[in-house]
C-alpha atoms as a PDB file:
ATOM      1  CA  MET A   1     100.532 108.701  85.157  1.00  0.00           C
ATOM      2  CA  ALA A   2     101.745 110.863  88.046  1.00  0.00           C
ATOM      3  CA  VAL A   3     105.237 110.709  89.504  1.00  0.00           C
ATOM      4  CA  GLN A   4     105.633 107.309  91.157  1.00  0.00           C
ATOM      5  CA  THR A   5     106.403 107.102  94.876  1.00  0.00           C
ATOM      6  CA  LEU A   6     107.104 103.653  96.274  1.00  0.00           C
ATOM      7  CA  ALA A   7     106.041 102.659  99.777  1.00  0.00           C
ATOM      8  CA  ILE A   8     107.547  99.635 101.474  1.00  0.00           C
ATOM      9  CA  ILE A   9     105.777  97.901 104.351  1.00  0.00           C
ATOM     10  CA  GLY A  10     107.910  95.381 106.164  1.00  0.00           C
ATOM     11  CA  GLY A  11     110.195  94.428 108.969  1.00  0.00           C
ATOM     12  CA  SER A  12     113.314  95.637 110.688  1.00  0.00           C
ATOM     13  CA  GLY A  13     115.872  94.447 108.129  1.00  0.00           C
ATOM     14  CA  ILE A  14     114.470  96.623 105.363  1.00  0.00           C
ATOM     15  CA  GLY A  15     113.862  99.472 107.791  1.00  0.00           C
ATOM     16  CA  GLU A  16     117.512  99.509 108.828  1.00  0.00           C
ATOM     17  CA  THR A  17     118.502  99.797 105.172  1.00  0.00           C
ATOM     18  CA  PHE A  18     116.433 102.976 104.933  1.00  0.00           C
ATOM     19  CA  ALA A  19     117.330 104.418 108.320  1.00  0.00           C
ATOM     20  CA  ASN A  20     121.054 104.281 107.520  1.00  0.00           C
ATOM     21  CA  ARG A  21     120.737 106.210 104.238  1.00  0.00           C
ATOM     22  CA  PRO A  22     121.993 109.829 104.281  1.00  0.00           C
ATOM     23  CA  GLY A  23     119.158 112.307 104.060  1.00  0.00           C
ATOM     24  CA  THR A  24     116.494 109.953 105.384  1.00  0.00           C
ATOM     25  CA  GLU A  25     113.592 111.877 106.932  1.00  0.00           C
ATOM     26  CA  SER A  26     111.404 110.555 109.734  1.00  0.00           C
ATOM     27  CA  ILE A  27     107.772 111.670 109.419  1.00  0.00           C
ATOM     28  CA  GLU A  28     105.183 111.607 112.196  1.00  0.00           C
ATOM     29  CA  ILE A  29     101.664 111.802 110.767  1.00  0.00           C
ATOM     30  CA  ASP A  30      98.104 111.473 111.973  1.00  0.00           C
ATOM     31  CA  THR A  31      95.044 110.291 110.030  1.00  0.00           C
ATOM     32  CA  PRO A  32      91.260 110.171 110.515  1.00  0.00           C
ATOM     33  CA  PHE A  33      91.834 106.512 111.414  1.00  0.00           C
ATOM     34  CA  GLY A  34      94.428 107.229 114.085  1.00  0.00           C
ATOM     35  CA  GLN A  35      98.203 107.094 113.930  1.00  0.00           C
ATOM     36  CA  PRO A  36     100.047 104.573 111.755  1.00  0.00           C
ATOM     37  CA  SER A  37     102.242 101.857 113.227  1.00  0.00           C
ATOM     38  CA  GLY A  38     105.168 104.225 113.583  1.00  0.00           C
ATOM     39  CA  ALA A  39     107.082 107.101 112.084  1.00  0.00           C
ATOM     40  CA  ILE A  40     107.387 106.747 108.312  1.00  0.00           C
ATOM     41  CA  LEU A  41     110.888 106.973 106.871  1.00  0.00           C
ATOM     42  CA  LYS A  42     111.292 108.904 103.625  1.00  0.00           C
ATOM     43  CA  ALA A  43     114.358 108.628 101.398  1.00  0.00           C
ATOM     44  CA  VAL A  44     115.453 108.904  97.805  1.00  0.00           C
ATOM     45  CA  VAL A  45     116.730 105.536  96.570  1.00  0.00           C
ATOM     46  CA  ASP A  46     118.345 105.338  93.138  1.00  0.00           C
ATOM     47  CA  GLY A  47     116.534 108.533  92.215  1.00  0.00           C
ATOM     48  CA  MET A  48     113.134 107.260  93.367  1.00  0.00           C
ATOM     49  CA  ASP A  49     111.085 108.687  96.228  1.00  0.00           C
ATOM     50  CA  CYS A  50     110.527 105.887  98.745  1.00  0.00           C
ATOM     51  CA  LEU A  51     108.632 105.571 102.006  1.00  0.00           C
ATOM     52  CA  PHE A  52     109.143 102.861 104.635  1.00  0.00           C
ATOM     53  CA  LEU A  53     106.559 101.876 107.228  1.00  0.00           C
ATOM     54  CA  PRO A  54     107.186  99.236 109.935  1.00  0.00           C
ATOM     55  CA  ARG A  55     103.943  97.222 109.956  1.00  0.00           C
ATOM     56  CA  HIS A  56     104.294  96.063 113.567  1.00  0.00           C
ATOM     57  CA  GLY A  57     105.874  99.285 114.840  1.00  0.00           C
ATOM     58  CA  HIS A  58     109.539 100.132 115.329  1.00  0.00           C
ATOM     59  CA  ARG A  59     109.620  97.934 118.445  1.00  0.00           C
ATOM     60  CA  HIS A  60     107.290  95.253 117.041  1.00  0.00           C
ATOM     61  CA  GLN A  61     104.618  96.234 119.564  1.00  0.00           C
ATOM     62  CA  PHE A  62     101.524  95.470 117.459  1.00  0.00           C
ATOM     63  CA  ASN A  63     100.318  91.920 117.036  1.00  0.00           C
ATOM     64  CA  PRO A  64      98.726  91.153 113.628  1.00  0.00           C
ATOM     65  CA  SER A  65      95.175  91.914 114.780  1.00  0.00           C
ATOM     66  CA  GLN A  66      96.242  95.215 116.371  1.00  0.00           C
ATOM     67  CA  VAL A  67      98.100  96.661 113.389  1.00  0.00           C
ATOM     68  CA  PRO A  68      96.377  99.952 112.426  1.00  0.00           C
ATOM     69  CA  TYR A  69      95.953  98.894 108.790  1.00  0.00           C
ATOM     70  CA  ARG A  70      93.631 101.742 107.786  1.00  0.00           C
ATOM     71  CA  ALA A  71      95.868 104.395 109.314  1.00  0.00           C
ATOM     72  CA  ASN A  72      98.921 102.836 107.637  1.00  0.00           C
ATOM     73  CA  ILE A  73      97.495 102.839 104.120  1.00  0.00           C
ATOM     74  CA  TYR A  74      95.826 106.239 104.521  1.00  0.00           C
ATOM     75  CA  ALA A  75      99.092 107.793 105.770  1.00  0.00           C
ATOM     76  CA  LEU A  76     101.071 106.384 102.842  1.00  0.00           C
ATOM     77  CA  LYS A  77      98.484 107.707 100.386  1.00  0.00           C
ATOM     78  CA  GLN A  78      98.538 111.069 102.125  1.00  0.00           C
ATOM     79  CA  LEU A  79     102.325 111.225 101.695  1.00  0.00           C
ATOM     80  CA  GLY A  80     102.059 110.593  97.956  1.00  0.00           C
ATOM     81  CA  ALA A  81     102.554 106.838  97.662  1.00  0.00           C
ATOM     82  CA  THR A  82     101.335 105.347  94.386  1.00  0.00           C
ATOM     83  CA  GLN A  83     102.552 101.767  94.859  1.00  0.00           C
ATOM     84  CA  VAL A  84     103.381  99.434  97.739  1.00  0.00           C
ATOM     85  CA  LEU A  85     105.839  96.571  98.055  1.00  0.00           C
ATOM     86  CA  ALA A  86     105.108  94.584 101.208  1.00  0.00           C
ATOM     87  CA  THR A  87     106.962  91.764 102.913  1.00  0.00           C
ATOM     88  CA  GLY A  88     105.688  89.348 105.522  1.00  0.00           C
ATOM     89  CA  ALA A  89     106.745  86.194 107.323  1.00  0.00           C
ATOM     90  CA  THR A  90     104.662  83.104 106.574  1.00  0.00           C
ATOM     91  CA  GLY A  91     104.531  79.369 107.093  1.00  0.00           C
ATOM     92  CA  SER A  92     104.957  77.137 104.049  1.00  0.00           C
ATOM     93  CA  LEU A  93     102.153  74.711 103.215  1.00  0.00           C
ATOM     94  CA  ARG A  94     104.104  73.079 100.372  1.00  0.00           C
ATOM     95  CA  GLU A  95     107.163  70.847 100.466  1.00  0.00           C
ATOM     96  CA  GLU A  96     108.631  72.633  97.448  1.00  0.00           C
ATOM     97  CA  ILE A  97     108.440  76.067  99.125  1.00  0.00           C
ATOM     98  CA  VAL A  98     111.463  75.681 101.351  1.00  0.00           C
ATOM     99  CA  PRO A  99     111.845  77.913 104.421  1.00  0.00           C
ATOM    100  CA  GLY A 100     114.215  80.705 103.437  1.00  0.00           C
ATOM    101  CA  ASP A 101     112.815  80.925  99.891  1.00  0.00           C
ATOM    102  CA  LEU A 102     110.783  83.914  98.682  1.00  0.00           C
ATOM    103  CA  VAL A 103     107.308  83.855  97.136  1.00  0.00           C
ATOM    104  CA  VAL A 104     105.715  86.586  95.004  1.00  0.00           C
ATOM    105  CA  CYS A 105     102.101  85.832  95.902  1.00  0.00           C
ATOM    106  CA  ASP A 106      99.247  85.953  93.398  1.00  0.00           C
ATOM    107  CA  GLN A 107      96.143  84.972  95.400  1.00  0.00           C
ATOM    108  CA  LEU A 108      94.579  85.380  98.843  1.00  0.00           C
ATOM    109  CA  ILE A 109      92.115  83.615 101.134  1.00  0.00           C
ATOM    110  CA  ASP A 110      90.751  85.787 103.951  1.00  0.00           C
ATOM    111  CA  LYS A 111      90.178  84.093 107.323  1.00  0.00           C
ATOM    112  CA  THR A 112      90.376  87.264 109.414  1.00  0.00           C
ATOM    113  CA  HIS A 113      87.289  88.293 111.350  1.00  0.00           C
ATOM    114  CA  SER A 114      88.043  91.149 113.755  1.00  0.00           C
ATOM    115  CA  ARG A 115      89.742  93.798 111.613  1.00  0.00           C
ATOM    116  CA  ASP A 116      88.414  96.967 109.979  1.00  0.00           C
ATOM    117  CA  SER A 117      88.712  96.012 106.314  1.00  0.00           C
ATOM    118  CA  THR A 118      87.362  99.035 104.438  1.00  0.00           C
ATOM    119  CA  PHE A 119      87.537 102.821 104.357  1.00  0.00           C
ATOM    120  CA  PHE A 120      83.940 102.951 103.162  1.00  0.00           C
ATOM    121  CA  ASP A 121      81.745 102.208 106.147  1.00  0.00           C
ATOM    122  CA  ASP A 122      80.092 105.531 106.934  1.00  0.00           C
ATOM    123  CA  GLY A 123      77.925 107.374 104.411  1.00  0.00           C
ATOM    124  CA  LEU A 124      79.588 106.029 101.275  1.00  0.00           C
ATOM    125  CA  ALA A 125      79.424 102.524  99.779  1.00  0.00           C
ATOM    126  CA  ALA A 126      82.172 101.401  97.426  1.00  0.00           C
ATOM    127  CA  HIS A 127      82.786  97.920  96.008  1.00  0.00           C
ATOM    128  CA  ILE A 128      86.213  97.393  94.453  1.00  0.00           C
ATOM    129  CA  GLU A 129      87.146  94.553  92.120  1.00  0.00           C
ATOM    130  CA  PHE A 130      89.461  92.179  93.966  1.00  0.00           C
ATOM    131  CA  ALA A 131      89.557  89.000  91.879  1.00  0.00           C
ATOM    132  CA  ASP A 132      93.298  89.494  91.377  1.00  0.00           C
ATOM    133  CA  PRO A 133      94.436  91.012  94.665  1.00  0.00           C
ATOM    134  CA  PHE A 134      98.019  91.809  93.659  1.00  0.00           C
ATOM    135  CA  CYS A 135      99.231  94.270  91.046  1.00  0.00           C
ATOM    136  CA  GLN A 136     100.422  92.317  88.009  1.00  0.00           C
ATOM    137  CA  ARG A 137     102.806  95.107  86.963  1.00  0.00           C
ATOM    138  CA  LEU A 138     104.578  95.115  90.334  1.00  0.00           C
ATOM    139  CA  ARG A 139     104.645  91.321  90.466  1.00  0.00           C
ATOM    140  CA  LYS A 140     106.377  91.287  87.066  1.00  0.00           C
ATOM    141  CA  GLN A 141     109.000  93.772  88.271  1.00  0.00           C
ATOM    142  CA  LEU A 142     109.731  91.673  91.362  1.00  0.00           C
ATOM    143  CA  LEU A 143     110.025  88.449  89.392  1.00  0.00           C
ATOM    144  CA  GLU A 144     112.352  89.975  86.819  1.00  0.00           C
ATOM    145  CA  ALA A 145     114.493  91.483  89.589  1.00  0.00           C
ATOM    146  CA  GLY A 146     114.774  87.986  91.080  1.00  0.00           C
ATOM    147  CA  ASP A 147     117.463  87.095  88.537  1.00  0.00           C
ATOM    148  CA  ALA A 148     119.844  89.301  90.515  1.00  0.00           C
ATOM    149  CA  ILE A 149     119.513  87.490  93.863  1.00  0.00           C
ATOM    150  CA  ASN A 150     120.866  84.136  94.987  1.00  0.00           C
ATOM    151  CA  THR A 151     117.619  82.764  96.436  1.00  0.00           C
ATOM    152  CA  SER A 152     114.806  80.599  95.111  1.00  0.00           C
ATOM    153  CA  LEU A 153     111.962  82.912  94.084  1.00  0.00           C
ATOM    154  CA  HIS A 154     108.551  81.346  93.458  1.00  0.00           C
ATOM    155  CA  ASP A 155     106.194  82.870  90.900  1.00  0.00           C
ATOM    156  CA  GLY A 156     102.779  82.741  92.505  1.00  0.00           C
ATOM    157  CA  GLY A 157     101.332  81.334  95.675  1.00  0.00           C
ATOM    158  CA  THR A 158      98.008  81.452  97.488  1.00  0.00           C
ATOM    159  CA  TYR A 159      98.308  83.089 100.895  1.00  0.00           C
ATOM    160  CA  VAL A 160      95.774  82.224 103.626  1.00  0.00           C
ATOM    161  CA  CYS A 161      95.518  85.143 106.042  1.00  0.00           C
ATOM    162  CA  MET A 162      94.391  83.981 109.488  1.00  0.00           C
ATOM    163  CA  GLU A 163      93.535  86.111 112.512  1.00  0.00           C
ATOM    164  CA  GLY A 164      96.215  84.954 114.942  1.00  0.00           C
ATOM    165  CA  PRO A 165      98.170  85.778 116.992  1.00  0.00           C
ATOM    166  CA  GLN A 166      98.199  82.051 117.758  1.00  0.00           C
ATOM    167  CA  PHE A 167      99.573  79.734 115.085  1.00  0.00           C
ATOM    168  CA  SER A 168      97.522  77.078 113.274  1.00  0.00           C
ATOM    169  CA  THR A 169      96.420  73.795 114.758  1.00  0.00           C
ATOM    170  CA  ARG A 170      97.610  70.765 112.816  1.00  0.00           C
ATOM    171  CA  ALA A 171      94.045  70.141 111.583  1.00  0.00           C
ATOM    172  CA  GLU A 172      93.800  73.722 110.285  1.00  0.00           C
ATOM    173  CA  SER A 173      97.154  73.440 108.579  1.00  0.00           C
ATOM    174  CA  ILE A 174      96.110  70.239 106.792  1.00  0.00           C
ATOM    175  CA  LEU A 175      92.777  71.848 105.821  1.00  0.00           C
ATOM    176  CA  HIS A 176      94.531  74.850 104.289  1.00  0.00           C
ATOM    177  CA  ARG A 177      96.640  72.480 102.189  1.00  0.00           C
ATOM    178  CA  GLN A 178      93.461  70.745 100.998  1.00  0.00           C
ATOM    179  CA  TRP A 179      92.097  74.127  99.946  1.00  0.00           C
ATOM    180  CA  GLY A 180      95.079  74.488  97.616  1.00  0.00           C
ATOM    181  CA  ALA A 181      96.786  77.198  99.673  1.00  0.00           C
ATOM    182  CA  ASP A 182     100.568  77.529  99.605  1.00  0.00           C
ATOM    183  CA  LEU A 183     101.305  79.869 102.520  1.00  0.00           C
ATOM    184  CA  ILE A 184      99.798  80.811 105.864  1.00  0.00           C
ATOM    185  CA  GLY A 185     100.283  84.243 107.420  1.00  0.00           C
ATOM    186  CA  MET A 186      98.584  86.902 109.531  1.00  0.00           C
ATOM    187  CA  THR A 187      99.206  90.322 107.989  1.00  0.00           C
ATOM    188  CA  CYS A 188      98.410  90.582 104.280  1.00  0.00           C
ATOM    189  CA  LEU A 189      94.743  91.332 104.965  1.00  0.00           C
ATOM    190  CA  PRO A 190      93.090  93.764 105.189  1.00  0.00           C
ATOM    191  CA  GLU A 191      96.255  95.525 104.019  1.00  0.00           C
ATOM    192  CA  ALA A 192      95.875  94.416 100.392  1.00  0.00           C
ATOM    193  CA  LYS A 193      92.156  95.290 100.311  1.00  0.00           C
ATOM    194  CA  LEU A 194      92.767  98.751 101.727  1.00  0.00           C
ATOM    195  CA  ALA A 195      95.585  99.379  99.256  1.00  0.00           C
ATOM    196  CA  ARG A 196      93.213  98.590  96.388  1.00  0.00           C
ATOM    197  CA  GLU A 197      90.567 100.919  97.874  1.00  0.00           C
ATOM    198  CA  ALA A 198      93.243 103.616  98.065  1.00  0.00           C
ATOM    199  CA  GLU A 199      94.110 102.975  94.391  1.00  0.00           C
ATOM    200  CA  LEU A 200      97.634 101.869  95.247  1.00  0.00           C
ATOM    201  CA  CYS A 201      99.426  99.171  93.286  1.00  0.00           C
ATOM    202  CA  TYR A 202     100.269  96.455  95.840  1.00  0.00           C
ATOM    203  CA  ALA A 203     102.463  93.371  95.727  1.00  0.00           C
ATOM    204  CA  LEU A 204     103.672  91.052  98.474  1.00  0.00           C
ATOM    205  CA  VAL A 205     106.894  89.113  98.918  1.00  0.00           C
ATOM    206  CA  ALA A 206     106.232  86.290 101.388  1.00  0.00           C
ATOM    207  CA  LEU A 207     109.077  85.026 103.590  1.00  0.00           C
ATOM    208  CA  PRO A 208     108.468  81.374 104.563  1.00  0.00           C
ATOM    209  CA  THR A 209     110.186  80.592 107.863  1.00  0.00           C
ATOM    210  CA  ASP A 210     108.888  77.077 108.585  1.00  0.00           C
ATOM    211  CA  TYR A 211     106.453  74.388 107.404  1.00  0.00           C
ATOM    212  CA  ASP A 212     103.603  75.501 109.693  1.00  0.00           C
ATOM    213  CA  SER A 213     102.241  72.477 111.608  1.00  0.00           C
ATOM    214  CA  TRP A 214     101.184  70.086 108.813  1.00  0.00           C
ATOM    215  CA  ARG A 215     104.611  68.572 108.297  1.00  0.00           C
ATOM    216  CA  PRO A 216     105.800  66.040 110.910  1.00  0.00           C
ATOM    217  CA  ARG A 217     108.742  67.281 112.928  1.00  0.00           C
ATOM    218  CA  ASN A 218     111.683  65.367 114.265  1.00  0.00           C
ATOM    219  CA  PRO A 219     110.449  64.151 117.677  1.00  0.00           C
ATOM    220  CA  GLU A 220     114.009  64.240 118.995  1.00  0.00           C
ATOM    221  CA  ALA A 221     114.486  67.932 118.163  1.00  0.00           C
ATOM    222  CA  ASP A 222     114.009  70.252 121.139  1.00  0.00           C
ATOM    223  CA  LYS A 223     112.014  73.472 120.917  1.00  0.00           C
ATOM    224  CA  ASN A 224     115.090  75.676 121.229  1.00  0.00           C
ATOM    225  CA  SER A 225     116.719  74.125 118.168  1.00  0.00           C
ATOM    226  CA  LEU A 226     113.458  74.543 116.229  1.00  0.00           C
ATOM    227  CA  LEU A 227     113.261  78.224 117.183  1.00  0.00           C
ATOM    228  CA  THR A 228     116.909  78.719 116.217  1.00  0.00           C
ATOM    229  CA  GLU A 229     116.184  77.173 112.817  1.00  0.00           C
ATOM    230  CA  ILE A 230     113.129  79.386 112.271  1.00  0.00           C
ATOM    231  CA  LEU A 231     115.049  82.543 113.200  1.00  0.00           C
ATOM    232  CA  ALA A 232     117.877  81.568 110.833  1.00  0.00           C
ATOM    233  CA  ASN A 233     115.357  81.039 108.019  1.00  0.00           C
ATOM    234  CA  MET A 234     113.815  84.417 108.816  1.00  0.00           C
ATOM    235  CA  ARG A 235     117.164  86.199 108.648  1.00  0.00           C
ATOM    236  CA  ARG A 236     118.071  84.514 105.372  1.00  0.00           C
ATOM    237  CA  ALA A 237     114.699  85.312 103.794  1.00  0.00           C
ATOM    238  CA  SER A 238     114.730  88.883 105.133  1.00  0.00           C
ATOM    239  CA  ASP A 239     118.195  89.546 103.683  1.00  0.00           C
ATOM    240  CA  ALA A 240     117.093  88.114 100.342  1.00  0.00           C
ATOM    241  CA  ALA A 241     113.867  90.158 100.371  1.00  0.00           C
ATOM    242  CA  THR A 242     115.817  93.332 101.098  1.00  0.00           C
ATOM    243  CA  ALA A 243     118.122  92.617  98.141  1.00  0.00           C
ATOM    244  CA  LEU A 244     115.130  91.820  95.932  1.00  0.00           C
ATOM    245  CA  ILE A 245     113.401  95.081  96.799  1.00  0.00           C
ATOM    246  CA  GLU A 246     116.584  97.077  96.228  1.00  0.00           C
ATOM    247  CA  HIS A 247     116.932  95.580  92.737  1.00  0.00           C
ATOM    248  CA  THR A 248     113.227  96.174  92.095  1.00  0.00           C
ATOM    249  CA  ILE A 249     113.583  99.839  93.070  1.00  0.00           C
ATOM    250  CA  ARG A 250     116.359 100.224  90.510  1.00  0.00           C
ATOM    251  CA  ARG A 251     114.096  98.728  87.856  1.00  0.00           C
ATOM    252  CA  LEU A 252     111.143 100.915  88.809  1.00  0.00           C
ATOM    253  CA  ALA A 253     113.295 104.050  88.911  1.00  0.00           C
ATOM    254  CA  THR A 254     114.318 103.588  85.278  1.00  0.00           C
ATOM    255  CA  ALA A 255     111.102 102.082  83.897  1.00  0.00           C
ATOM    256  CA  ALA A 256     108.766 104.190  81.799  1.00  0.00           C
ATOM    257  CA  PRO A 257     105.470 104.914  83.620  1.00  0.00           C
ATOM    258  CA  VAL A 258     102.789 102.405  82.638  1.00  0.00           C
ATOM    259  CA  PRO A 259      99.058 102.962  83.254  1.00  0.00           C
ATOM    260  CA  CYS A 260      97.697 100.497  85.793  1.00  0.00           C
ATOM    261  CA  GLU A 261      94.116  99.517  86.617  1.00  0.00           C
ATOM    262  CA  CYS A 262      94.964  99.482  90.337  1.00  0.00           C
ATOM    263  CA  GLN A 263      95.319 103.264  90.255  1.00  0.00           C
ATOM    264  CA  ASN A 264      91.761 103.663  88.956  1.00  0.00           C
ATOM    265  CA  ALA A 265      90.112 101.057  91.179  1.00  0.00           C
ATOM    266  CA  LEU A 266      87.387 103.435  92.397  1.00  0.00           C
ATOM    267  CA  ALA A 267      86.341 104.665  88.962  1.00  0.00           C
ATOM    268  CA  GLN A 268      83.343 102.300  88.837  1.00  0.00           C
ATOM    269  CA  ALA A 269      83.311 101.256  92.488  1.00  0.00           C
ATOM    270  CA  ILE A 270      81.442 104.122  94.179  1.00  0.00           C
ATOM    271  CA  TRP A 271      77.778 103.086  94.256  1.00  0.00           C
ATOM    272  CA  THR A 272      76.380 105.814  96.495  1.00  0.00           C
ATOM    273  CA  ASP A 273      74.776 108.746  94.687  1.00  0.00           C
ATOM    274  CA  LYS A 274      77.600 111.281  94.920  1.00  0.00           C
ATOM    275  CA  SER A 275      75.193 114.143  95.534  1.00  0.00           C
ATOM    276  CA  HIS A 276      74.091 112.387  98.738  1.00  0.00           C
ATOM    277  CA  VAL A 277      77.522 111.697 100.228  1.00  0.00           C
ATOM    278  CA  PRO A 278      77.882 113.876 103.361  1.00  0.00           C
ATOM    279  CA  PRO A 279      80.510 116.660 102.963  1.00  0.00           C
ATOM    280  CA  ASP A 280      82.304 115.544 106.127  1.00  0.00           C
ATOM    281  CA  VAL A 281      82.767 112.061 104.631  1.00  0.00           C
ATOM    282  CA  ILE A 282      84.191 113.544 101.430  1.00  0.00           C
ATOM    283  CA  ASP A 283      86.556 115.675 103.508  1.00  0.00           C
ATOM    284  CA  LYS A 284      87.595 112.727 105.681  1.00  0.00           C
ATOM    285  CA  LEU A 285      88.385 110.531 102.673  1.00  0.00           C
ATOM    286  CA  ASN A 286      89.651 113.284 100.388  1.00  0.00           C
ATOM    287  CA  PRO A 287      93.122 111.777  99.745  1.00  0.00           C
ATOM    288  CA  LEU A 288      91.354 108.611  98.527  1.00  0.00           C
ATOM    289  CA  ILE A 289      88.277 109.940  96.706  1.00  0.00           C
ATOM    290  CA  GLY A 290      88.891 113.655  96.120  1.00  0.00           C
ATOM    291  CA  ARG A 291      89.324 113.347  92.362  1.00  0.00           C
ATOM    292  CA  TYR A 292      85.887 111.738  92.058  1.00  0.00           C
ATOM    293  CA  PHE A 293      84.231 114.623  93.914  1.00  0.00           C
ATOM    294  CA  ASP A 294      85.942 117.572  92.185  1.00  0.00           C
ATOM    295  CA  GLY A 295      88.515 117.695  94.969  1.00  0.00           C
ATOM    296  CA  GLN A 296      92.221 117.034  95.282  1.00  0.00           C
ATOM    297  CA  PRO A 297      94.151 114.897  94.710  1.00  0.00           C
END
């Protein structure tokens, strides 16, 4: 396995941790799918090469449907990323997943409908396996690192990814619970699908901030107090997620490289006759598919 470079996709709390490190480099990059959400920060953390990308931009200017997911994943691959740890705020659909906890997700339900969800839509058809959407190796590292943080960390959870940017109706929230879902969010897809197409290991730490709309609220509570509570939960979960990722980086930096199926996801996935794939398509997607067409990497 090649040298491992870890990419982190998340919010401002984790970004500040990177930005304040000595020697951090800010990289502006363009891709065939446009520019990513913002400049990518590069730093060495505990001896490991790490990249940080703000999903919503450095000023949180992109709503979930506007995030340039393809450009983000392509740029990280182009810069040498081999694995991705992502964080994202969610609503909890389960009483036992308390706002402020962390969840290492293991399944996804896709309810998005207006996002570009594949790199392979022009002259090349590829069908990746996606039954288990998160890298089991990375999930294991996160869960084992959880012993070092003072926060409840849940092993597994099904994340429903909705389009947004509006939140769920109460009927939708109750329906998602009936489906067996545990969390509701707006950003994990198509990010996870694109990471698999790019042969990147990908795991997500969900940050529940509230109980969505299924759980009855105190009718006497005003909206300002509810917002204050949500923001406090977000800060607590964000701080815990930052600590969790820092401990996970230490584990990854010292762990022996282990082969992972995620990093060979395209081996049997390209269905188009390779001799008929247009050269410009091969060139466009070279960082993703080059090794299957006698190119680099």
